[in-house]
């Protein structure tokens, strides 16, 4: 039986339906990300699980218990908000222990739990400081500790890293994942950042306009997108316009250069237009074993990204991006230089 079971969840505000019959189920201990653009319904789903929004219809079960209509304080869930929501008049220790005090935990036991949480988040000795004396990353750790101190059945995270700078976001998301694995707590993480979702999740729910576009492991979401939206929203994507030359042999023309595309639909017709997509890392300069399509183009742009160099190659009206590792021994191609690129037809998606 699934630990978190959401069935036909719908939420309507006035005449607008923001969550449209969403269903998913996850096992105990999984780290799940709800990923999508602003307004797709992901935070509304999280708030319905937490009890801060009442579903228009549908059900929510946690560990076999129907919590759909329970009050937030009856659900035994921990939540970390985007804005941290620390009490400014309480020091770190009292913030972490607030829920424990409300629950009636004895002072000595509460003190031990607070110390345990401070050690877990790497802030031992910070218990007497106030929120204004902490950095953004430290405040977020305190908010996390406060949420997990009462030993909740599940942890809910509402874009907890969005206010932090890039370097701190990376380190803190890794810490959150490490803590989650250490505690074995089922976690639902809401984010619009695809890198965050792909890097720390067991499974990802990609949402768009109140619907689930795809649910799967990060590598499935990235490598095998189920819809055009997922393909374009998750990761960088090249789109090549091609013209069908011979449907029988699956031959197409890409800016006057021919290629055979085995995935071409059976109902393709001569001179029909088709859109071929693939990731930048699937394209290489020169030949590579297994690459069965070779094209010639001109370097239109070179972007240095540290360990990776992104090249844009103009084939004609199509411009294709590719990533190559930075090699200190070899200078990257220059703008205007003619190059041969190759790719494997099996990596192409036909939209």
Protein backbone atom coordinates (compact mmCIF):
# COMPACT_ATOMS: atom_id res chain seq x y z
CA UNK A 1 0.00 0.00 0.00
CA UNK A 2 1.26 3.48 -0.89
CA UNK A 3 2.33 5.74 1.97
CA UNK A 4 1.04 8.89 0.24
CA UNK A 5 -2.02 8.29 -1.95
CA UNK A 6 -3.64 11.22 -3.75
CA UNK A 7 -6.69 10.41 -5.89
CA UNK A 8 -8.61 12.66 -8.30
CA UNK A 9 -7.58 15.81 -6.43
CA UNK A 10 -9.31 18.92 -7.76
CA UNK A 11 -9.24 22.53 -6.56
CA UNK A 12 -11.37 25.33 -7.95
CA UNK A 13 -11.19 29.00 -7.03
CA UNK A 14 -14.36 30.68 -8.27
CA UNK A 15 -14.64 29.80 -11.95
CA UNK A 16 -10.99 28.78 -12.27
CA UNK A 17 -9.86 25.18 -11.75
CA UNK A 18 -6.19 25.20 -10.79
CA UNK A 19 -5.79 21.47 -10.02
CA UNK A 20 -7.62 19.11 -12.37
CA UNK A 21 -8.20 15.59 -11.05
CA UNK A 22 -4.59 14.85 -10.11
CA UNK A 23 -3.68 11.35 -8.89
CA UNK A 24 -0.37 9.88 -7.69
CA UNK A 25 0.93 7.43 -5.11
CA UNK A 26 4.34 7.17 -3.45
CA UNK A 27 6.06 4.79 -1.08
CA UNK A 28 7.38 5.52 2.39
CA UNK A 29 10.77 7.22 2.39
CA UNK A 30 10.60 8.59 -1.16
CA UNK A 31 11.73 12.09 -2.07
CA UNK A 32 9.17 13.46 -4.52
CA UNK A 33 9.38 16.76 -6.41
CA UNK A 34 6.42 18.61 -7.87
CA UNK A 35 8.01 20.49 -10.78
CA UNK A 36 6.43 23.04 -13.08
CA UNK A 37 6.12 26.71 -14.02
CA UNK A 38 4.40 29.31 -11.86
CA UNK A 39 0.64 28.83 -11.76
CA UNK A 40 0.69 25.13 -12.66
CA UNK A 41 -0.94 24.06 -9.37
CA UNK A 42 2.02 22.46 -7.59
CA UNK A 43 1.92 24.67 -4.48
CA UNK A 44 -1.87 24.31 -4.27
CA UNK A 45 -1.44 20.52 -4.17
CA UNK A 46 1.14 20.86 -1.38
CA UNK A 47 -1.18 23.15 0.59
CA UNK A 48 -4.03 20.66 0.21
CA UNK A 49 -1.80 17.87 1.53
CA UNK A 50 -0.81 20.13 4.44
CA UNK A 51 -4.43 21.08 5.16
CA UNK A 52 -4.15 24.79 4.39
CA UNK A 53 -6.47 24.44 1.38
CA UNK A 54 -9.61 22.31 1.24
CA UNK A 55 -9.95 20.19 -1.93
CA UNK A 56 -12.99 20.78 -4.11
CA UNK A 57 -13.04 17.03 -4.67
CA UNK A 58 -10.75 14.01 -4.37
CA UNK A 59 -8.96 12.34 -1.48
CA UNK A 60 -5.60 12.35 0.32
CA UNK A 61 -4.35 9.41 2.38
CA UNK A 62 -1.15 9.21 4.43
CA UNK A 63 -0.08 5.81 5.79
CA UNK A 64 -3.57 4.44 5.21
CA UNK A 65 -5.33 7.33 7.01
CA UNK A 66 -7.73 9.60 5.12
CA UNK A 67 -6.58 13.13 6.01
CA UNK A 68 -8.58 14.97 3.32
CA UNK A 69 -10.70 16.93 5.79
CA UNK A 70 -8.48 16.96 8.89
CA UNK A 71 -7.12 20.23 10.30
CA UNK A 72 -3.41 20.92 9.67
CA UNK A 73 -2.46 20.22 13.31
CA UNK A 74 -4.18 16.83 13.14
CA UNK A 75 -2.13 15.51 10.20
CA UNK A 76 1.28 15.01 11.83
CA UNK A 77 3.05 16.63 8.89
CA UNK A 78 6.00 19.03 8.91
CA UNK A 79 6.16 21.96 6.51
CA UNK A 80 8.92 24.37 5.51
CA UNK A 81 7.65 27.54 3.87
CA UNK A 82 9.24 29.59 1.12
CA UNK A 83 9.54 32.59 3.47
CA UNK A 84 10.95 30.51 6.40
CA UNK A 85 8.30 31.95 8.82
CA UNK A 86 10.61 31.91 11.84
CA UNK A 87 9.39 33.73 14.93
CA UNK A 88 11.54 36.90 15.15
CA UNK A 89 11.05 37.24 18.92
CA UNK A 90 12.28 33.70 19.63
CA UNK A 91 15.88 32.52 19.49
CA UNK A 92 16.96 29.54 17.40
CA UNK A 93 16.47 27.01 20.17
CA UNK A 94 12.98 28.27 20.99
CA UNK A 95 12.03 28.34 17.31
CA UNK A 96 13.05 24.72 16.89
CA UNK A 97 11.35 23.71 20.11
CA UNK A 98 8.12 25.65 19.55
CA UNK A 99 6.14 22.68 18.23
CA UNK A 100 7.55 20.45 20.94
CA UNK A 101 6.43 22.88 23.64
CA UNK A 102 2.94 23.11 22.17
CA UNK A 103 2.80 19.30 22.16
CA UNK A 104 3.61 19.29 25.90
CA UNK A 105 7.05 17.67 25.73
CA UNK A 106 8.90 18.00 29.08
CA UNK A 107 11.59 20.70 29.18
CA UNK A 108 14.54 18.31 29.64
CA UNK A 109 13.42 16.06 26.78
CA UNK A 110 12.72 19.13 24.64
CA UNK A 111 16.24 20.48 25.27
CA UNK A 112 17.77 17.18 24.18
CA UNK A 113 15.71 17.15 20.99
CA UNK A 114 16.67 20.74 20.17
CA UNK A 115 20.37 19.88 20.61
CA UNK A 116 19.89 16.85 18.38
CA UNK A 117 18.31 19.02 15.67
CA UNK A 118 21.03 21.66 15.90
CA UNK A 119 23.67 18.97 15.42
CA UNK A 120 21.75 17.51 12.50
CA UNK A 121 21.63 20.86 10.63
CA UNK A 122 25.21 21.81 11.54
CA UNK A 123 24.31 24.74 13.82
CA UNK A 124 25.38 23.46 17.25
CA UNK A 125 25.99 26.45 19.54
CA UNK A 126 23.59 28.71 17.63
CA UNK A 127 20.63 28.09 19.95
CA UNK A 128 20.77 31.55 21.62
CA UNK A 129 20.95 33.52 18.38
CA UNK A 130 17.94 35.23 16.88
CA UNK A 131 16.79 34.93 13.25
CA UNK A 132 18.11 38.39 12.33
CA UNK A 133 21.60 37.22 13.38
CA UNK A 134 21.55 34.37 10.85
CA UNK A 135 22.22 34.20 7.11
CA UNK A 136 19.45 33.14 4.75
CA UNK A 137 20.87 29.63 4.49
CA UNK A 138 21.11 29.31 8.27
CA UNK A 139 17.52 30.52 8.69
CA UNK A 140 16.36 27.90 6.22
CA UNK A 141 18.16 25.18 8.18
CA UNK A 142 16.43 26.32 11.36
CA UNK A 143 13.06 26.22 9.58
CA UNK A 144 13.87 22.66 8.46
CA UNK A 145 14.86 21.62 11.97
CA UNK A 146 11.66 23.10 13.40
CA UNK A 147 9.60 21.10 10.89
CA UNK A 148 11.24 17.75 11.64
CA UNK A 149 11.73 18.17 15.40
CA UNK A 150 8.25 16.76 16.27
CA UNK A 151 9.04 13.64 14.16
CA UNK A 152 6.34 14.18 11.52
CA UNK A 153 5.10 11.38 9.29
CA UNK A 154 5.94 13.39 6.20
CA UNK A 155 7.88 16.55 5.29
CA UNK A 156 6.51 19.19 2.90
CA UNK A 157 8.86 21.76 1.35
CA UNK A 158 7.43 24.76 -0.54
CA UNK A 159 10.22 26.17 -2.75
CA UNK A 160 12.49 26.50 0.32
CA UNK A 161 15.59 27.53 -1.63
CA UNK A 162 14.19 30.19 -3.96
CA UNK A 163 15.42 33.16 -1.90
CA UNK A 164 19.04 31.95 -1.70
CA UNK A 165 21.96 32.59 -4.05
CA UNK A 166 23.01 29.87 -6.47
CA UNK A 167 26.00 28.45 -4.56
CA UNK A 168 24.13 28.21 -1.24
CA UNK A 169 21.14 26.64 -3.01
CA UNK A 170 23.29 23.81 -4.32
CA UNK A 171 24.92 23.06 -0.97
CA UNK A 172 21.67 23.35 0.99
CA UNK A 173 19.67 21.12 -1.33
CA UNK A 174 22.37 18.46 -0.92
CA UNK A 175 22.09 18.85 2.86
CA UNK A 176 18.30 18.53 2.72
CA UNK A 177 18.61 15.34 0.69
CA UNK A 178 21.22 13.93 3.09
CA UNK A 179 19.01 14.69 6.10
CA UNK A 180 15.98 13.17 4.35
CA UNK A 181 17.90 9.98 3.60
CA UNK A 182 19.26 9.83 7.14
CA UNK A 183 15.76 10.16 8.64
CA UNK A 184 14.02 8.07 5.99
CA UNK A 185 11.15 10.55 5.94
CA UNK A 186 8.77 10.78 2.98
CA UNK A 187 9.24 14.24 1.47
CA UNK A 188 7.29 16.30 -1.06
CA UNK A 189 9.34 19.16 -2.51
CA UNK A 190 7.80 21.92 -4.64
CA UNK A 191 10.07 23.72 -7.09
CA UNK A 192 10.14 25.41 -10.49
CA UNK A 193 13.88 24.70 -10.78
CA UNK A 194 14.42 21.63 -12.95
CA UNK A 195 18.02 21.14 -11.79
CA UNK A 196 16.88 20.97 -8.16
CA UNK A 197 14.15 18.47 -8.96
CA UNK A 198 16.35 16.21 -11.09
CA UNK A 199 19.33 16.24 -8.75
CA UNK A 200 17.74 15.21 -5.44
CA UNK A 201 14.47 13.39 -6.23
CA UNK A 202 13.59 9.73 -6.35
CA UNK A 203 10.69 10.62 -8.63
CA UNK A 204 9.48 13.81 -10.27
CA UNK A 205 5.93 14.94 -11.05
CA UNK A 206 6.00 17.41 -13.96
CA UNK A 207 2.92 19.65 -13.91
CA UNK A 208 1.40 22.04 -16.40
CA UNK A 209 -1.87 23.99 -16.15
CA UNK A 210 -3.22 21.88 -13.29
CA UNK A 211 -2.45 18.52 -14.90
CA UNK A 212 0.33 15.96 -14.54
CA UNK A 213 2.30 15.81 -17.78
CA UNK A 214 4.62 13.03 -16.66
CA UNK A 215 5.63 11.17 -13.50
CA UNK A 216 8.86 9.21 -13.33
CA UNK A 217 12.46 8.93 -12.18
CA UNK A 218 14.69 11.91 -13.07
CA UNK A 219 16.49 10.01 -15.85
CA UNK A 220 13.13 9.03 -17.38
CA UNK A 221 11.84 12.58 -17.28
CA UNK A 222 14.98 13.92 -18.94
CA UNK A 223 15.78 11.17 -21.45
CA UNK A 224 12.26 10.03 -22.36
CA UNK A 225 9.90 13.01 -22.13
CA UNK A 226 6.30 11.89 -22.63
CA UNK A 227 4.97 15.16 -24.04
CA UNK A 228 6.15 18.20 -25.96
CA UNK A 229 5.80 20.29 -22.78
CA UNK A 230 8.09 18.02 -20.75
CA UNK A 231 10.64 17.90 -23.58
CA UNK A 232 10.86 21.68 -23.76
CA UNK A 233 10.47 22.52 -20.05
CA UNK A 234 13.03 20.07 -18.64
CA UNK A 235 16.59 20.73 -19.78
CA UNK A 236 17.94 22.35 -22.92
CA UNK A 237 16.48 21.07 -26.18
CA UNK A 238 17.35 21.47 -29.84
CA UNK A 239 14.50 21.64 -32.34
CA UNK A 240 15.28 20.98 -36.01
CA UNK A 241 12.78 21.54 -38.78
CA UNK A 242 12.96 18.81 -41.39
CA UNK A 243 11.14 18.08 -44.65
CA UNK A 244 10.12 14.53 -45.52
CA UNK A 245 11.72 13.38 -48.78
CA UNK A 246 10.79 9.68 -48.86
CA UNK A 247 8.38 8.24 -46.26
CA UNK A 248 9.19 4.67 -47.32
CA UNK A 249 12.89 4.97 -46.46
CA UNK A 250 12.29 7.51 -43.61
CA UNK A 251 14.52 10.04 -45.38
CA UNK A 252 14.28 13.73 -44.51
CA UNK A 253 16.06 16.91 -45.51
CA UNK A 254 17.56 19.22 -42.88
CA UNK A 255 18.55 22.43 -44.62
CA UNK A 256 19.37 20.47 -47.78
CA UNK A 257 21.28 17.71 -45.99
CA UNK A 258 19.69 14.27 -45.92
CA UNK A 259 19.24 11.98 -42.93
CA UNK A 260 17.34 8.78 -42.20
CA UNK A 261 15.01 9.01 -39.18
CA UNK A 262 13.66 5.56 -38.17
CA UNK A 263 11.14 7.16 -35.76
CA UNK A 264 9.38 9.05 -38.56
CA UNK A 265 5.61 8.41 -38.26
CA UNK A 266 4.13 5.78 -40.58
CA UNK A 267 1.61 8.30 -41.94
CA UNK A 268 4.29 10.83 -42.98
CA UNK A 269 3.88 12.21 -46.51
CA UNK A 270 6.28 13.66 -49.05
CA UNK A 271 7.16 17.33 -48.37
CA UNK A 272 5.51 17.20 -44.94
CA UNK A 273 7.26 19.18 -42.23
CA UNK A 274 8.52 17.44 -39.12
CA UNK A 275 10.19 18.71 -35.94
CA UNK A 276 13.15 16.69 -34.62
CA UNK A 277 14.42 17.32 -31.09
CA UNK A 278 17.47 16.23 -29.11
CA UNK A 279 19.59 17.33 -26.16
CA UNK A 280 22.79 19.39 -26.72
CA UNK A 281 24.98 16.73 -25.09
CA UNK A 282 23.86 14.18 -27.70
CA UNK A 283 25.68 16.09 -30.46
CA UNK A 284 29.43 15.90 -31.06
CA UNK A 285 31.97 17.71 -33.18
CA UNK A 286 33.28 15.21 -35.72
CA UNK A 287 32.42 11.53 -35.90
CA UNK A 288 31.67 9.25 -32.97
CA UNK A 289 31.02 5.54 -32.88
CA UNK A 290 27.29 4.89 -33.01
CA UNK A 291 26.43 8.27 -34.56
CA UNK A 292 24.70 7.59 -37.89
CA UNK A 293 23.80 11.16 -38.91
CA UNK A 294 26.45 13.62 -40.09
CA UNK A 295 25.75 17.29 -40.84
CA UNK A 296 27.89 20.25 -41.86
CA UNK A 297 27.43 23.76 -40.48
CA UNK A 298 29.09 26.98 -39.39
CA UNK A 299 29.94 28.02 -35.82
CA UNK A 300 27.50 30.84 -35.00
CA UNK A 301 28.40 31.35 -31.34
CA UNK A 302 30.77 30.07 -28.65
CA UNK A 303 29.80 30.37 -24.96
CA UNK A 304 32.30 29.49 -22.24
CA UNK A 305 30.54 27.94 -19.20
CA UNK A 306 33.57 26.76 -17.22
CA UNK A 307 33.85 22.99 -17.51
CA UNK A 308 31.55 23.03 -20.54
CA UNK A 309 31.66 25.02 -23.78
CA UNK A 310 28.35 25.50 -25.57
CA UNK A 311 28.56 25.87 -29.34
CA UNK A 312 25.78 27.02 -31.65
CA UNK A 313 26.08 25.61 -35.15
CA UNK A 314 24.10 27.12 -38.02
CA UNK A 315 23.03 24.48 -40.54
CA UNK A 316 20.96 26.96 -42.54
CA UNK A 317 17.71 28.19 -41.05
CA UNK A 318 18.23 25.63 -38.27
CA UNK A 319 20.67 26.47 -35.47
CA UNK A 320 21.74 23.61 -33.24
CA UNK A 321 23.38 23.84 -29.78
CA UNK A 322 25.89 21.30 -28.55
CA UNK A 323 27.98 20.95 -25.40
CA UNK A 324 31.60 19.92 -25.32
CA UNK A 325 33.94 19.61 -22.35
CA UNK A 326 36.53 22.33 -21.86
CA UNK A 327 39.93 20.94 -22.79
CA UNK A 328 42.80 23.26 -21.83
CA UNK A 329 44.99 21.67 -24.52
CA UNK A 330 42.62 22.46 -27.37
CA UNK A 331 41.05 25.78 -28.32
CA UNK A 332 37.33 25.62 -29.17
CA UNK A 333 36.22 26.29 -32.76
CA UNK A 334 36.02 29.96 -33.74
CA UNK A 335 32.94 31.80 -34.96
CA UNK A 336 32.51 31.39 -38.70
CA UNK A 337 34.47 28.14 -38.81
CA UNK A 338 32.95 25.28 -40.84
CA UNK A 339 32.50 22.12 -38.77
CA UNK A 340 31.09 18.62 -39.14
CA UNK A 341 28.81 17.40 -36.38
CA UNK A 342 27.34 13.97 -35.76
CA UNK A 343 24.52 12.47 -33.74
CA UNK A 344 22.66 9.18 -33.31
CA UNK A 345 19.21 9.02 -34.88
CA UNK A 346 18.00 6.94 -31.91
CA UNK A 347 18.39 10.02 -29.67
CA UNK A 348 15.98 12.08 -31.78
CA UNK A 349 12.40 12.65 -30.71
CA UNK A 350 9.92 13.39 -33.47
CA UNK A 351 7.30 15.96 -32.42
